[in-house]
């Protein structure tokens, strides 16, 4: 298992009013939702960050779970919480 930092990613997600028919005034009031994801960026490419929020060590073997793909275009910031986790 490579040593990777624990990070906090602040990002924007889509929202909807869920009200059915709306007018121009109503739509201008819509805002994105600000989301916060804590975890490890296991991979990144030109478009996305691939994050997991659980690392498990059992009998010397490592596994990972709770995966999330976050498009880079919606990321506001990434803050390193801890440079080395173990």
N, C-alpha and C. Protein backbone atom coordinates (compact mmCIF):
# COMPACT_ATOMS: atom_id res chain seq x y z
N UNK A 1 0.85 -1.18 0.00
CA UNK A 1 0.00 0.00 0.00
C UNK A 1 0.89 1.24 0.00
N UNK A 2 0.73 2.10 -0.99
CA UNK A 2 1.51 3.33 -1.04
C UNK A 2 1.02 4.31 0.02
N UNK A 3 1.90 5.16 0.47
CA UNK A 3 1.55 6.14 1.48
C UNK A 3 0.97 7.37 0.80
N UNK A 4 -0.29 7.64 1.05
CA UNK A 4 -0.99 8.76 0.42
C UNK A 4 -1.60 9.63 1.50
N UNK A 5 -1.74 10.93 1.25
CA UNK A 5 -2.29 11.82 2.27
C UNK A 5 -3.80 11.68 2.43
N UNK A 6 -4.25 11.98 3.63
CA UNK A 6 -5.69 12.08 3.92
C UNK A 6 -6.10 13.51 3.57
N UNK A 7 -7.17 13.67 2.77
CA UNK A 7 -7.55 14.99 2.28
C UNK A 7 -9.02 15.31 2.57
N UNK A 8 -9.32 16.59 2.52
CA UNK A 8 -10.70 17.10 2.55
C UNK A 8 -10.94 17.79 1.22
N UNK A 9 -11.91 17.29 0.46
CA UNK A 9 -12.25 17.88 -0.83
C UNK A 9 -13.57 18.62 -0.70
N UNK A 10 -13.56 19.90 -1.05
CA UNK A 10 -14.78 20.71 -1.08
C UNK A 10 -15.20 20.81 -2.53
N UNK A 11 -16.46 20.45 -2.83
CA UNK A 11 -16.92 20.42 -4.21
C UNK A 11 -18.39 20.78 -4.31
N UNK A 12 -18.82 21.10 -5.52
CA UNK A 12 -20.19 21.52 -5.79
C UNK A 12 -20.97 20.40 -6.48
N UNK A 13 -22.19 20.17 -6.03
CA UNK A 13 -23.04 19.14 -6.62
C UNK A 13 -24.30 19.78 -7.19
N UNK A 14 -24.90 19.11 -8.15
CA UNK A 14 -26.12 19.62 -8.76
C UNK A 14 -27.28 19.54 -7.77
N UNK A 15 -28.25 20.41 -7.96
CA UNK A 15 -29.47 20.38 -7.16
C UNK A 15 -30.66 20.64 -8.08
N UNK A 16 -31.83 20.44 -7.54
CA UNK A 16 -33.06 20.69 -8.29
C UNK A 16 -34.11 21.16 -7.30
N UNK A 17 -35.04 21.95 -7.79
CA UNK A 17 -36.10 22.43 -6.89
C UNK A 17 -37.14 21.34 -6.63
N UNK A 18 -37.22 20.34 -7.50
CA UNK A 18 -38.18 19.24 -7.35
C UNK A 18 -39.63 19.71 -7.28
N UNK A 19 -39.92 20.85 -7.89
CA UNK A 19 -41.27 21.40 -7.78
C UNK A 19 -42.10 21.26 -9.04
N UNK A 20 -41.53 20.69 -10.08
CA UNK A 20 -42.29 20.60 -11.33
C UNK A 20 -42.08 21.84 -12.17
N UNK A 21 -43.17 22.48 -12.59
CA UNK A 21 -43.07 23.65 -13.45
C UNK A 21 -42.58 24.85 -12.66
N UNK A 22 -41.60 25.56 -13.26
CA UNK A 22 -41.06 26.77 -12.61
C UNK A 22 -40.97 27.88 -13.64
N UNK A 23 -40.84 29.12 -13.15
CA UNK A 23 -40.67 30.25 -14.06
C UNK A 23 -39.23 30.77 -13.97
N UNK A 24 -38.94 31.78 -14.78
CA UNK A 24 -37.58 32.31 -14.86
C UNK A 24 -37.09 32.85 -13.51
N UNK A 25 -37.95 33.46 -12.73
CA UNK A 25 -37.57 33.99 -11.43
C UNK A 25 -37.18 32.86 -10.49
N UNK A 26 -37.96 31.79 -10.48
CA UNK A 26 -37.67 30.66 -9.60
C UNK A 26 -36.34 30.00 -9.93
N UNK A 27 -36.05 29.83 -11.22
CA UNK A 27 -34.82 29.14 -11.60
C UNK A 27 -33.58 29.94 -11.25
N UNK A 28 -33.66 31.24 -11.23
CA UNK A 28 -32.50 32.06 -10.88
C UNK A 28 -32.14 31.96 -9.40
N UNK A 29 -33.03 31.42 -8.59
CA UNK A 29 -32.77 31.25 -7.15
C UNK A 29 -32.07 29.93 -6.82
N UNK A 30 -31.99 29.03 -7.79
CA UNK A 30 -31.34 27.73 -7.55
C UNK A 30 -29.84 27.90 -7.32
N UNK A 31 -29.30 27.09 -6.42
CA UNK A 31 -27.87 27.10 -6.12
C UNK A 31 -27.38 25.66 -6.03
N UNK A 32 -26.11 25.48 -6.28
CA UNK A 32 -25.53 24.15 -6.11
C UNK A 32 -25.37 23.85 -4.62
N UNK A 33 -25.22 22.58 -4.31
CA UNK A 33 -24.98 22.16 -2.94
C UNK A 33 -23.47 22.03 -2.73
N UNK A 34 -22.96 22.56 -1.63
CA UNK A 34 -21.55 22.42 -1.30
C UNK A 34 -21.36 21.12 -0.53
N UNK A 35 -20.48 20.28 -1.03
CA UNK A 35 -20.23 18.96 -0.43
C UNK A 35 -18.79 18.89 0.07
N UNK A 36 -18.58 18.07 1.08
CA UNK A 36 -17.25 17.86 1.65
C UNK A 36 -17.01 16.35 1.71
N UNK A 37 -15.92 15.91 1.12
CA UNK A 37 -15.55 14.50 1.14
C UNK A 37 -14.19 14.36 1.79
N UNK A 38 -14.10 13.51 2.80
CA UNK A 38 -12.83 13.20 3.45
C UNK A 38 -12.40 11.82 2.99
N UNK A 39 -11.16 11.69 2.58
CA UNK A 39 -10.67 10.39 2.15
C UNK A 39 -9.30 10.48 1.51
N UNK A 40 -8.99 9.45 0.74
CA UNK A 40 -7.71 9.34 0.07
C UNK A 40 -7.93 9.34 -1.44
N UNK A 41 -7.20 10.19 -2.15
CA UNK A 41 -7.28 10.19 -3.62
C UNK A 41 -6.39 9.04 -4.09
N UNK A 42 -7.01 7.95 -4.50
CA UNK A 42 -6.28 6.75 -4.91
C UNK A 42 -5.78 6.86 -6.35
N UNK A 43 -6.46 7.70 -7.14
CA UNK A 43 -6.10 7.86 -8.55
C UNK A 43 -6.69 9.19 -9.01
N UNK A 44 -6.03 9.77 -10.00
CA UNK A 44 -6.62 10.93 -10.68
C UNK A 44 -6.22 10.88 -12.13
N UNK A 45 -7.10 11.42 -12.97
CA UNK A 45 -6.78 11.55 -14.39
C UNK A 45 -7.12 12.97 -14.80
N UNK A 46 -7.20 13.24 -16.09
CA UNK A 46 -7.46 14.61 -16.56
C UNK A 46 -8.80 15.15 -16.11
N UNK A 47 -9.78 14.28 -15.87
CA UNK A 47 -11.14 14.72 -15.58
C UNK A 47 -11.61 14.49 -14.15
N UNK A 48 -11.07 13.48 -13.46
CA UNK A 48 -11.65 13.05 -12.19
C UNK A 48 -10.63 12.77 -11.10
N UNK A 49 -11.14 12.86 -9.85
CA UNK A 49 -10.44 12.34 -8.68
C UNK A 49 -11.19 11.08 -8.25
N UNK A 50 -10.47 10.02 -7.95
CA UNK A 50 -11.05 8.76 -7.50
C UNK A 50 -10.69 8.61 -6.03
N UNK A 51 -11.70 8.72 -5.18
CA UNK A 51 -11.49 8.83 -3.74
C UNK A 51 -12.10 7.62 -3.02
N UNK A 52 -11.41 7.16 -1.99
CA UNK A 52 -12.00 6.16 -1.10
C UNK A 52 -12.00 6.74 0.30
N UNK A 53 -12.98 6.34 1.10
CA UNK A 53 -13.07 6.89 2.46
C UNK A 53 -12.87 5.83 3.54
N UNK A 54 -12.48 4.62 3.13
CA UNK A 54 -12.17 3.59 4.12
C UNK A 54 -11.00 2.75 3.64
N UNK A 55 -10.00 2.62 4.49
CA UNK A 55 -8.88 1.71 4.26
C UNK A 55 -8.94 0.65 5.35
N UNK A 56 -8.77 -0.61 4.98
CA UNK A 56 -8.86 -1.70 5.94
C UNK A 56 -7.61 -2.57 5.83
N UNK A 57 -6.98 -2.85 6.98
CA UNK A 57 -5.85 -3.77 7.01
C UNK A 57 -6.27 -4.96 7.84
N UNK A 58 -6.15 -6.16 7.26
CA UNK A 58 -6.51 -7.38 7.96
C UNK A 58 -5.50 -8.47 7.60
N UNK A 59 -4.82 -8.98 8.60
CA UNK A 59 -3.80 -10.03 8.40
C UNK A 59 -2.76 -9.62 7.36
N UNK A 60 -2.35 -8.36 7.40
CA UNK A 60 -1.32 -7.88 6.50
C UNK A 60 -1.78 -7.54 5.09
N UNK A 61 -3.04 -7.70 4.81
CA UNK A 61 -3.60 -7.38 3.50
C UNK A 61 -4.42 -6.10 3.59
N UNK A 62 -4.28 -5.23 2.59
CA UNK A 62 -5.02 -3.97 2.56
C UNK A 62 -6.16 -4.05 1.56
N UNK A 63 -7.28 -3.46 1.94
CA UNK A 63 -8.40 -3.30 1.01
C UNK A 63 -8.98 -1.91 1.20
N UNK A 64 -9.86 -1.51 0.31
CA UNK A 64 -10.44 -0.17 0.35
C UNK A 64 -11.91 -0.22 0.00
N UNK A 65 -12.67 0.77 0.48
CA UNK A 65 -14.10 0.79 0.18
C UNK A 65 -14.65 2.21 0.27
N UNK A 66 -15.94 2.33 0.03
CA UNK A 66 -16.66 3.60 0.00
C UNK A 66 -16.02 4.54 -1.02
N UNK A 67 -16.14 4.14 -2.28
CA UNK A 67 -15.50 4.86 -3.37
C UNK A 67 -16.40 5.97 -3.93
N UNK A 68 -15.75 7.03 -4.38
CA UNK A 68 -16.45 8.18 -4.97
C UNK A 68 -15.59 8.71 -6.12
N UNK A 69 -16.23 9.05 -7.22
CA UNK A 69 -15.55 9.72 -8.33
C UNK A 69 -16.05 11.16 -8.34
N UNK A 70 -15.12 12.10 -8.23
CA UNK A 70 -15.47 13.53 -8.21
C UNK A 70 -14.86 14.19 -9.44
N UNK A 71 -15.69 14.76 -10.32
CA UNK A 71 -15.15 15.47 -11.49
C UNK A 71 -14.33 16.69 -11.06
N UNK A 72 -13.18 16.88 -11.64
CA UNK A 72 -12.30 18.00 -11.28
C UNK A 72 -12.98 19.34 -11.50
N UNK A 73 -13.88 19.43 -12.46
CA UNK A 73 -14.55 20.69 -12.77
C UNK A 73 -15.45 21.20 -11.68
N UNK A 74 -15.82 20.37 -10.70
CA UNK A 74 -16.70 20.81 -9.62
C UNK A 74 -15.96 21.00 -8.30
N UNK A 75 -14.64 20.79 -8.30
CA UNK A 75 -13.85 20.88 -7.06
C UNK A 75 -13.47 22.34 -6.79
N UNK A 76 -13.81 22.79 -5.58
CA UNK A 76 -13.42 24.13 -5.13
C UNK A 76 -12.02 24.12 -4.51
N UNK A 77 -11.74 23.10 -3.70
CA UNK A 77 -10.45 23.04 -3.02
C UNK A 77 -10.16 21.63 -2.52
N UNK A 78 -8.88 21.37 -2.32
CA UNK A 78 -8.42 20.13 -1.68
C UNK A 78 -7.44 20.53 -0.59
N UNK A 79 -7.72 20.12 0.64
CA UNK A 79 -6.87 20.44 1.77
C UNK A 79 -6.28 19.14 2.33
N UNK A 80 -4.97 19.12 2.49
CA UNK A 80 -4.32 17.94 3.09
C UNK A 80 -4.53 18.00 4.60
N UNK A 81 -5.17 16.97 5.14
CA UNK A 81 -5.43 16.89 6.57
C UNK A 81 -4.28 16.23 7.32
N UNK A 82 -3.67 15.27 6.65
CA UNK A 82 -2.53 14.56 7.24
C UNK A 82 -1.66 14.03 6.10
N UNK A 83 -0.38 14.40 6.11
CA UNK A 83 0.49 14.03 5.00
C UNK A 83 0.71 12.53 4.89
N UNK A 84 0.88 11.88 6.02
CA UNK A 84 1.07 10.43 6.03
C UNK A 84 0.12 9.84 7.03
N UNK A 85 -0.66 8.91 6.56
CA UNK A 85 -1.68 8.33 7.42
C UNK A 85 -1.12 7.25 8.33
N UNK A 86 -0.14 6.50 7.89
CA UNK A 86 0.45 5.44 8.72
C UNK A 86 1.94 5.42 8.55
